[in-house]
Amino acid sequence: YQDRSNLGLPAPDRVGQTMAVFARVKAMRVVRARFRRAGPPRLELGVDCFSAEEDEKGRPNEQGTLLGDDPAPRGLTVSLVIVFFGQSYLEKLFKAGDRVFFSGKLEIYRGRLQLINPEFEIDKDAPEENSGDPADAKPPRTGIVPIYSLTEGLGQRSYRRLVFRAVREYADICLETLSQKIRDKHKLPPMAAALGNLHFPPTPEESGRARRRFRFEELFM
């Protein structure tokens, strides 16, 4: 999982902490060492981090954020440097204006706040009204977001959307294998709730309860 439930703004007092940020790429460059023995090229991204609060419909709050359609967010912004050592090839993935989730340990170097080799996901979805059609359902972009082990050619966003739709459409019709008595005795969630919370938990605790339910089945069923 990647915890995006508390997207924050980088600050000196958070140096050393692992944090997630939502940012817009404003510039990038590949830095090559003068001497080969100094190491491979690195990619540096200059980004602006924004607050990313959403209302219950996935729309920006009254101040405007990157999660909305406002091309010039009006909320507080903080500059940050993203550094990918030995991964200059990632330059092909980014372009100025991209909105990206980054997650990693916040560091400071020569007065610059930076994340080194963070996990990232380029955000290409804009919040929109739910049409009610299951085929149009989109997984949440904030909160506790699942990260899957994937084969080449299959991206996190595409796979996450497939899983979200499958859970949304079929979790309620999956056969319940544990009786109410057993679930109550061991404080285990129902099948449908466990499937949903295994993939898209509202809190880390709920994902833990879901995993516990399926481990119980593996051991005793």
Protein backbone atom coordinates (compact mmCIF):
# COMPACT_ATOMS: atom_id res chain seq x y z
CA TYR A 1 0.00 0.00 0.00
CA GLN A 2 0.92 3.65 -0.35
CA ASP A 3 -0.55 5.89 2.33
CA ARG A 4 -1.98 9.01 0.67
CA SER A 5 -4.49 9.62 3.44
CA ASN A 6 -2.48 12.51 4.81
CA LEU A 7 -0.78 14.15 1.86
CA GLY A 8 1.44 16.80 3.33
CA LEU A 9 3.61 19.73 2.44
CA PRO A 10 7.36 19.25 2.91
CA ALA A 11 8.94 21.35 5.64
CA PRO A 12 12.28 21.41 7.49
CA ASP A 13 10.68 20.01 10.63
CA ARG A 14 9.62 16.91 8.66
CA VAL A 15 13.12 16.02 7.43
CA GLY A 16 13.81 12.35 8.12
CA GLN A 17 10.15 11.38 7.90
CA THR A 18 8.60 9.24 5.18
CA MET A 19 5.84 11.24 3.57
CA ALA A 20 3.63 11.41 0.50
CA VAL A 21 3.21 14.57 -1.55
CA PHE A 22 1.14 15.59 -4.53
CA ALA A 23 3.01 17.89 -6.88
CA ARG A 24 3.18 19.44 -10.31
CA VAL A 25 6.40 19.12 -12.32
CA LYS A 26 7.75 22.51 -13.32
CA ALA A 27 11.26 21.65 -14.59
CA MET A 28 13.62 18.75 -15.06
CA ARG A 29 17.23 18.11 -15.97
CA VAL A 30 19.67 15.23 -16.30
CA VAL A 31 22.87 15.88 -14.36
CA ARG A 32 26.01 14.11 -15.54
CA ALA A 33 29.12 13.93 -13.41
CA ARG A 34 32.30 15.45 -14.81
CA PHE A 35 34.19 12.26 -14.05
CA ARG A 36 32.89 8.77 -14.82
CA ARG A 37 33.96 7.39 -11.47
CA ALA A 38 31.63 9.90 -9.78
CA GLY A 39 28.66 7.74 -10.78
CA PRO A 40 25.90 7.49 -13.40
CA PRO A 41 23.71 10.44 -14.44
CA ARG A 42 20.86 11.48 -12.18
CA LEU A 43 17.48 12.98 -12.97
CA GLU A 44 16.36 16.02 -11.02
CA LEU A 45 12.76 17.27 -11.05
CA GLY A 46 11.76 20.64 -9.70
CA VAL A 47 8.18 20.37 -8.43
CA ASP A 48 5.61 22.46 -6.59
CA CYS A 49 3.77 20.59 -3.85
CA PHE A 50 0.17 21.45 -3.07
CA SER A 51 -2.38 20.48 -0.50
CA ALA A 52 -4.68 17.87 -2.00
CA GLU A 53 -7.90 17.95 -0.03
CA GLU A 54 -11.04 16.74 -1.72
CA ASP A 55 -14.70 16.80 -0.79
CA GLU A 56 -16.90 13.70 -0.74
CA LYS A 57 -17.34 13.89 -4.53
CA GLY A 58 -13.63 14.11 -5.27
CA ARG A 59 -13.72 17.81 -6.09
CA PRO A 60 -11.23 20.42 -4.83
CA ASN A 61 -11.95 22.31 -1.67
CA GLU A 62 -12.80 25.98 -1.65
CA GLN A 63 -9.14 27.02 -1.86
CA GLY A 64 -8.48 25.01 -5.03
CA THR A 65 -5.95 22.19 -5.26
CA LEU A 66 -4.07 20.17 -7.81
CA LEU A 67 -6.75 17.51 -7.65
CA GLY A 68 -9.13 19.89 -9.35
CA ASP A 69 -9.23 21.33 -12.82
CA ASP A 70 -7.94 24.76 -11.85
CA PRO A 71 -4.76 25.24 -13.93
CA ALA A 72 -3.36 27.65 -11.37
CA PRO A 73 -4.10 26.37 -7.83
CA ARG A 74 -4.46 29.14 -5.29
CA GLY A 75 -3.51 27.24 -2.15
CA LEU A 76 -0.19 27.14 -0.36
CA THR A 77 2.67 25.70 -2.44
CA VAL A 78 6.10 24.43 -1.44
CA SER A 79 8.98 23.78 -3.81
CA LEU A 80 10.70 20.41 -3.67
CA VAL A 81 13.44 18.63 -5.60
CA ILE A 82 12.94 15.01 -6.66
CA VAL A 83 16.20 13.16 -7.35
CA PHE A 84 16.52 9.82 -9.13
CA PHE A 85 20.08 8.56 -8.88
CA GLY A 86 21.08 6.25 -11.72
CA GLN A 87 17.62 6.50 -13.26
CA SER A 88 18.03 9.27 -15.83
CA TYR A 89 15.92 7.18 -18.25
CA LEU A 90 12.86 8.25 -16.25
CA GLU A 91 13.16 11.59 -18.02
CA LYS A 92 11.03 10.07 -20.79
CA LEU A 93 8.14 9.53 -18.37
CA PHE A 94 7.78 13.09 -17.11
CA LYS A 95 6.93 16.40 -18.71
CA ALA A 96 6.34 19.87 -17.33
CA GLY A 97 2.83 20.19 -15.94
CA ASP A 98 2.48 16.53 -14.93
CA ARG A 99 0.70 15.95 -11.63
CA VAL A 100 2.45 13.23 -9.65
CA PHE A 101 2.13 11.43 -6.33
CA PHE A 102 5.56 10.97 -4.75
CA SER A 103 6.32 8.96 -1.61
CA GLY A 104 9.65 8.72 0.14
CA LYS A 105 11.92 9.94 2.91
CA LEU A 106 12.25 13.71 3.08
CA GLU A 107 15.83 14.93 3.15
CA ILE A 108 17.62 18.26 2.97
CA TYR A 109 20.82 18.94 1.05
CA ARG A 110 22.46 22.34 0.76
CA GLY A 111 19.28 23.97 1.95
CA ARG A 112 17.05 22.15 -0.57
CA LEU A 113 14.23 19.88 0.52
CA GLN A 114 14.29 16.73 -1.57
CA LEU A 115 13.05 13.17 -1.98
CA ILE A 116 15.62 10.62 -3.16
CA ASN A 117 14.47 7.81 -5.49
CA PRO A 118 10.87 8.02 -4.29
CA GLU A 119 7.99 5.82 -5.36
CA PHE A 120 5.81 7.75 -7.77
CA GLU A 121 2.64 7.60 -9.81
CA ILE A 122 1.72 10.10 -12.49
CA ASP A 123 -1.88 11.17 -11.99
CA LYS A 124 -3.89 11.37 -15.18
CA ASP A 125 -7.41 11.24 -13.80
CA ALA A 126 -9.49 14.34 -13.20
CA PRO A 127 -12.29 14.20 -10.60
CA GLU A 128 -15.69 13.93 -12.13
CA GLU A 129 -19.26 13.24 -11.15
CA ASN A 130 -20.10 9.57 -10.70
CA SER A 131 -22.48 8.57 -13.50
CA GLY A 132 -23.74 5.57 -11.56
CA ASP A 133 -22.54 3.21 -14.27
CA PRO A 134 -20.18 0.58 -12.75
CA ALA A 135 -18.15 0.69 -15.95
CA ASP A 136 -17.32 4.35 -15.20
CA ALA A 137 -16.23 3.70 -11.62
CA LYS A 138 -12.75 4.90 -10.72
CA PRO A 139 -10.70 3.86 -7.70
CA PRO A 140 -9.84 6.50 -5.10
CA ARG A 141 -6.63 8.42 -5.75
CA THR A 142 -6.07 9.37 -2.14
CA GLY A 143 -6.31 7.42 1.11
CA ILE A 144 -4.70 3.99 1.41
CA VAL A 145 -3.85 3.07 -2.19
CA PRO A 146 -2.93 -0.50 -3.17
CA ILE A 147 0.35 -1.15 -5.00
CA TYR A 148 0.40 -4.41 -6.97
CA SER A 149 3.20 -6.58 -8.31
CA LEU A 150 2.66 -6.39 -12.06
CA THR A 151 4.01 -7.86 -15.26
CA GLU A 152 5.67 -5.70 -17.89
CA GLY A 153 3.26 -3.58 -19.90
CA LEU A 154 0.58 -3.38 -17.20
CA GLY A 155 0.45 -0.17 -15.16
CA GLN A 156 -0.71 0.39 -11.59
CA ARG A 157 -3.53 2.75 -12.59
CA SER A 158 -5.01 0.39 -15.18
CA TYR A 159 -4.80 -2.67 -12.94
CA ARG A 160 -6.11 -0.79 -9.91
CA ARG A 161 -9.13 0.31 -11.93
CA LEU A 162 -9.86 -3.27 -13.03
CA VAL A 163 -9.65 -4.53 -9.45
CA PHE A 164 -11.82 -1.67 -8.19
CA ARG A 165 -14.55 -2.46 -10.71
CA ALA A 166 -14.38 -6.18 -9.96
CA VAL A 167 -14.71 -5.60 -6.21
CA ARG A 168 -17.50 -3.09 -6.75
CA GLU A 169 -19.51 -5.41 -8.98
CA TYR A 170 -18.84 -8.87 -7.57
CA ALA A 171 -17.80 -8.70 -3.90
CA ASP A 172 -21.41 -8.80 -2.70
CA ILE A 173 -22.16 -12.01 -4.58
CA CYS A 174 -19.12 -13.95 -3.40
CA LEU A 175 -20.05 -16.97 -1.29
CA GLU A 176 -19.66 -16.40 2.45
CA THR A 177 -17.59 -19.28 3.82
CA LEU A 178 -17.66 -18.40 7.53
CA SER A 179 -20.75 -18.54 9.68
CA GLN A 180 -21.93 -15.53 11.62
CA LYS A 181 -21.08 -17.37 14.84
CA ILE A 182 -17.45 -17.91 13.81
CA ARG A 183 -17.08 -14.35 12.54
CA ASP A 184 -18.48 -12.93 15.76
CA LYS A 185 -16.30 -15.18 17.93
CA HIS A 186 -13.07 -14.21 16.17
CA LYS A 187 -14.11 -10.66 15.23
CA LEU A 188 -13.77 -11.26 11.51
CA PRO A 189 -15.43 -9.14 8.81
CA PRO A 190 -17.88 -10.61 6.25
CA MET A 191 -16.52 -11.78 2.91
CA ALA A 192 -17.69 -8.76 0.90
CA ALA A 193 -16.30 -6.24 3.37
CA ALA A 194 -13.01 -8.15 3.63
CA LEU A 195 -12.57 -8.18 -0.15
CA GLY A 196 -13.20 -4.46 -0.38
CA ASN A 197 -10.94 -3.58 2.54
CA LEU A 198 -8.17 -5.87 1.35
CA HIS A 199 -7.80 -3.82 -1.82
CA PHE A 200 -9.15 -0.37 -0.89
CA PRO A 201 -9.11 -0.05 2.89
CA PRO A 202 -10.28 3.19 4.51
CA THR A 203 -7.59 2.74 7.19
CA PRO A 204 -4.54 0.49 7.72
CA GLU A 205 -6.44 -1.19 10.55
CA GLU A 206 -9.22 -2.29 8.20
CA SER A 207 -6.73 -3.81 5.76
CA GLY A 208 -5.25 -5.72 8.71
CA ARG A 209 -8.67 -7.08 9.68
CA ALA A 210 -9.29 -8.19 6.09
CA ARG A 211 -5.95 -10.00 5.87
CA ARG A 212 -6.63 -11.66 9.22
CA ARG A 213 -9.95 -12.99 7.95
CA PHE A 214 -8.38 -14.63 4.89
CA ARG A 215 -5.46 -16.02 6.91
CA PHE A 216 -8.00 -17.57 9.25
CA GLU A 217 -9.68 -19.28 6.30
CA GLU A 218 -6.36 -20.56 4.94
CA LEU A 219 -5.48 -22.13 8.28
CA PHE A 220 -8.80 -23.59 9.38
CA MET A 221 -10.99 -24.11 6.31
